[in-house]
Amino acid sequence: MEPSRLWKKDPLPDEIVTHLDADAGTTTLALLGEVDVLTVDQVRVALDEALAARPREIVVELRDLDFIDSTGLGALISGFQRARDTGISFRLAHPSRAVHQILVLSGLLEVVELTP
């Protein structure tokens, strides 16, 4: 099955969301660099687009994310809650060691599934 791309492009230096792909009922949102008060709106918009597509599952790929602050955590929590409320599975994937530690300390991993 050919993936349908919601959008995919080469990220600009200040872009945090590198791509948003839909494939076989799963929408993957990949993050790059740092999510903080200056970049969190990009994450919120991408999560809105992912949720609007009504996939079976949303995966937030964290492999290339170096840092996330409380505003970024808030965006992920909001995305998770909205997905849960509409019956969409929501999980995080492949966080770096530093981001994993932030996710653990925040308590987010107690409610959101993580793919190591």
C-alpha atoms as a PDB file:
ATOM      1  CA  MET A   1       0.000   0.000   0.000  1.00  0.00           C
ATOM      2  CA  GLU A   2       1.396   3.378  -0.996  1.00  0.00           C
ATOM      3  CA  PRO A   3       1.676   5.798   1.945  1.00  0.00           C
ATOM      4  CA  SER A   4      -0.394   8.935   1.700  1.00  0.00           C
ATOM      5  CA  ARG A   5       1.572  11.902   2.900  1.00  0.00           C
ATOM      6  CA  LEU A   6      -0.208  14.628   4.757  1.00  0.00           C
ATOM      7  CA  TRP A   7       2.977  16.602   4.196  1.00  0.00           C
ATOM      8  CA  LYS A   8       6.661  15.912   4.039  1.00  0.00           C
ATOM      9  CA  LYS A   9       9.503  18.255   3.261  1.00  0.00           C
ATOM     10  CA  ASP A  10      13.054  19.073   4.159  1.00  0.00           C
ATOM     11  CA  PRO A  11      12.886  20.970   7.451  1.00  0.00           C
ATOM     12  CA  LEU A  12      14.046  24.542   7.661  1.00  0.00           C
ATOM     13  CA  PRO A  13      16.556  25.279  10.434  1.00  0.00           C
ATOM     14  CA  ASP A  14      13.883  26.616  12.790  1.00  0.00           C
ATOM     15  CA  GLU A  15      11.272  23.919  12.094  1.00  0.00           C
ATOM     16  CA  ILE A  16      10.660  21.367  14.810  1.00  0.00           C
ATOM     17  CA  VAL A  17       8.208  19.095  12.965  1.00  0.00           C
ATOM     18  CA  THR A  18      10.113  17.334  10.191  1.00  0.00           C
ATOM     19  CA  HIS A  19       7.239  15.372   8.696  1.00  0.00           C
ATOM     20  CA  LEU A  20       3.715  14.177   9.148  1.00  0.00           C
ATOM     21  CA  ASP A  21       3.031  10.927   7.273  1.00  0.00           C
ATOM     22  CA  ALA A  22      -0.061   8.725   7.114  1.00  0.00           C
ATOM     23  CA  ASP A  23       0.372   5.070   6.194  1.00  0.00           C
ATOM     24  CA  ALA A  24      -2.121   2.219   6.684  1.00  0.00           C
ATOM     25  CA  GLY A  25      -4.046   3.902   9.480  1.00  0.00           C
ATOM     26  CA  THR A  26      -0.991   5.201  11.350  1.00  0.00           C
ATOM     27  CA  THR A  27       0.017   8.852  11.303  1.00  0.00           C
ATOM     28  CA  THR A  28       3.626   9.523  12.298  1.00  0.00           C
ATOM     29  CA  LEU A  29       4.719  12.933  13.497  1.00  0.00           C
ATOM     30  CA  ALA A  30       8.518  13.305  13.709  1.00  0.00           C
ATOM     31  CA  LEU A  31      10.098  15.994  15.886  1.00  0.00           C
ATOM     32  CA  LEU A  32      13.578  17.498  15.528  1.00  0.00           C
ATOM     33  CA  GLY A  33      15.758  19.616  17.789  1.00  0.00           C
ATOM     34  CA  GLU A  34      14.044  21.285  20.730  1.00  0.00           C
ATOM     35  CA  VAL A  35      10.387  21.768  21.611  1.00  0.00           C
ATOM     36  CA  ASP A  36      10.026  24.816  23.801  1.00  0.00           C
ATOM     37  CA  VAL A  37       7.900  27.929  24.137  1.00  0.00           C
ATOM     38  CA  LEU A  38       9.247  29.231  20.805  1.00  0.00           C
ATOM     39  CA  THR A  39       8.485  26.096  18.770  1.00  0.00           C
ATOM     40  CA  VAL A  40       5.564  24.413  20.534  1.00  0.00           C
ATOM     41  CA  ASP A  41       2.945  25.964  18.238  1.00  0.00           C
ATOM     42  CA  GLN A  42       4.376  23.949  15.324  1.00  0.00           C
ATOM     43  CA  VAL A  43       3.802  20.773  17.338  1.00  0.00           C
ATOM     44  CA  ARG A  44       0.259  21.797  18.261  1.00  0.00           C
ATOM     45  CA  VAL A  45      -0.628  22.530  14.617  1.00  0.00           C
ATOM     46  CA  ALA A  46       0.849  19.213  13.446  1.00  0.00           C
ATOM     47  CA  LEU A  47      -1.047  17.313  16.150  1.00  0.00           C
ATOM     48  CA  ASP A  48      -4.252  19.106  15.116  1.00  0.00           C
ATOM     49  CA  GLU A  49      -3.670  18.004  11.503  1.00  0.00           C
ATOM     50  CA  ALA A  50      -2.931  14.437  12.572  1.00  0.00           C
ATOM     51  CA  LEU A  51      -6.078  14.258  14.722  1.00  0.00           C
ATOM     52  CA  ALA A  52      -8.221  15.784  11.965  1.00  0.00           C
ATOM     53  CA  ALA A  53      -7.197  12.957   9.619  1.00  0.00           C
ATOM     54  CA  ARG A  54      -8.802  10.452  12.077  1.00  0.00           C
ATOM     55  CA  PRO A  55      -6.141   7.737  11.815  1.00  0.00           C
ATOM     56  CA  ARG A  56      -6.298   4.525  13.835  1.00  0.00           C
ATOM     57  CA  GLU A  57      -3.042   5.510  15.572  1.00  0.00           C
ATOM     58  CA  ILE A  58      -0.733   8.520  16.029  1.00  0.00           C
ATOM     59  CA  VAL A  59       2.957   7.930  16.697  1.00  0.00           C
ATOM     60  CA  VAL A  60       5.169  10.835  17.782  1.00  0.00           C
ATOM     61  CA  GLU A  61       8.726   9.999  16.700  1.00  0.00           C
ATOM     62  CA  LEU A  62      11.236  11.486  19.152  1.00  0.00           C
ATOM     63  CA  ARG A  63      14.482  10.006  17.790  1.00  0.00           C
ATOM     64  CA  ASP A  64      15.817  13.402  16.647  1.00  0.00           C
ATOM     65  CA  LEU A  65      14.439  15.427  19.551  1.00  0.00           C
ATOM     66  CA  ASP A  66      17.142  16.796  21.867  1.00  0.00           C
ATOM     67  CA  PHE A  67      14.986  18.616  24.436  1.00  0.00           C
ATOM     68  CA  ILE A  68      11.364  19.198  25.402  1.00  0.00           C
ATOM     69  CA  ASP A  69      10.151  21.700  27.998  1.00  0.00           C
ATOM     70  CA  SER A  70       6.892  21.928  29.928  1.00  0.00           C
ATOM     71  CA  THR A  71       5.058  23.602  27.033  1.00  0.00           C
ATOM     72  CA  GLY A  72       6.044  20.725  24.749  1.00  0.00           C
ATOM     73  CA  LEU A  73       4.965  18.192  27.349  1.00  0.00           C
ATOM     74  CA  GLY A  74       1.653  20.056  27.593  1.00  0.00           C
ATOM     75  CA  ALA A  75       1.183  19.802  23.816  1.00  0.00           C
ATOM     76  CA  LEU A  76       1.832  16.049  23.921  1.00  0.00           C
ATOM     77  CA  ILE A  77      -0.581  15.607  26.847  1.00  0.00           C
ATOM     78  CA  SER A  78      -3.254  17.584  25.024  1.00  0.00           C
ATOM     79  CA  GLY A  79      -2.718  15.522  21.861  1.00  0.00           C
ATOM     80  CA  PHE A  80      -2.902  12.302  23.866  1.00  0.00           C
ATOM     81  CA  GLN A  81      -6.126  13.355  25.623  1.00  0.00           C
ATOM     82  CA  ARG A  82      -7.796  14.429  22.399  1.00  0.00           C
ATOM     83  CA  ALA A  83      -6.743  11.191  20.680  1.00  0.00           C
ATOM     84  CA  ARG A  84      -8.003   9.088  23.600  1.00  0.00           C
ATOM     85  CA  ASP A  85     -11.332  10.954  23.602  1.00  0.00           C
ATOM     86  CA  THR A  86     -11.861  10.110  19.915  1.00  0.00           C
ATOM     87  CA  GLY A  87     -10.665   6.497  20.135  1.00  0.00           C
ATOM     88  CA  ILE A  88      -7.303   7.047  18.444  1.00  0.00           C
ATOM     89  CA  SER A  89      -4.281   5.217  19.833  1.00  0.00           C
ATOM     90  CA  PHE A  90      -1.425   7.604  20.739  1.00  0.00           C
ATOM     91  CA  ARG A  91       2.155   6.646  21.507  1.00  0.00           C
ATOM     92  CA  LEU A  92       5.643   8.051  21.673  1.00  0.00           C
ATOM     93  CA  ALA A  93       8.585   6.378  19.937  1.00  0.00           C
ATOM     94  CA  HIS A  94      12.362   6.176  20.230  1.00  0.00           C
ATOM     95  CA  PRO A  95      13.203   9.048  22.603  1.00  0.00           C
ATOM     96  CA  SER A  96      16.836   9.915  23.177  1.00  0.00           C
ATOM     97  CA  ARG A  97      18.196   9.225  26.649  1.00  0.00           C
ATOM     98  CA  ALA A  98      17.812  12.904  27.657  1.00  0.00           C
ATOM     99  CA  VAL A  99      14.232  13.172  26.371  1.00  0.00           C
ATOM    100  CA  HIS A 100      13.334   9.817  27.936  1.00  0.00           C
ATOM    101  CA  GLN A 101      14.494  11.117  31.301  1.00  0.00           C
ATOM    102  CA  ILE A 102      12.316  14.227  30.943  1.00  0.00           C
ATOM    103  CA  LEU A 103       9.326  12.047  30.007  1.00  0.00           C
ATOM    104  CA  VAL A 104       9.890   9.842  33.065  1.00  0.00           C
ATOM    105  CA  LEU A 105      10.314  12.788  35.449  1.00  0.00           C
ATOM    106  CA  SER A 106       7.175  14.453  34.092  1.00  0.00           C
ATOM    107  CA  GLY A 107       5.087  11.325  34.683  1.00  0.00           C
ATOM    108  CA  LEU A 108       3.915  11.331  31.055  1.00  0.00           C
ATOM    109  CA  LEU A 109       5.038   7.739  30.523  1.00  0.00           C
ATOM    110  CA  GLU A 110       2.619   6.612  33.215  1.00  0.00           C
ATOM    111  CA  VAL A 111      -0.264   7.349  30.824  1.00  0.00           C
ATOM    112  CA  VAL A 112       1.195   7.427  27.290  1.00  0.00           C
ATOM    113  CA  GLU A 113       2.550   4.270  25.678  1.00  0.00           C
ATOM    114  CA  LEU A 114       6.229   4.314  24.685  1.00  0.00           C
ATOM    115  CA  THR A 115       7.867   2.344  21.894  1.00  0.00           C
ATOM    116  CA  PRO A 116      11.512   2.038  22.980  1.00  0.00           C
END
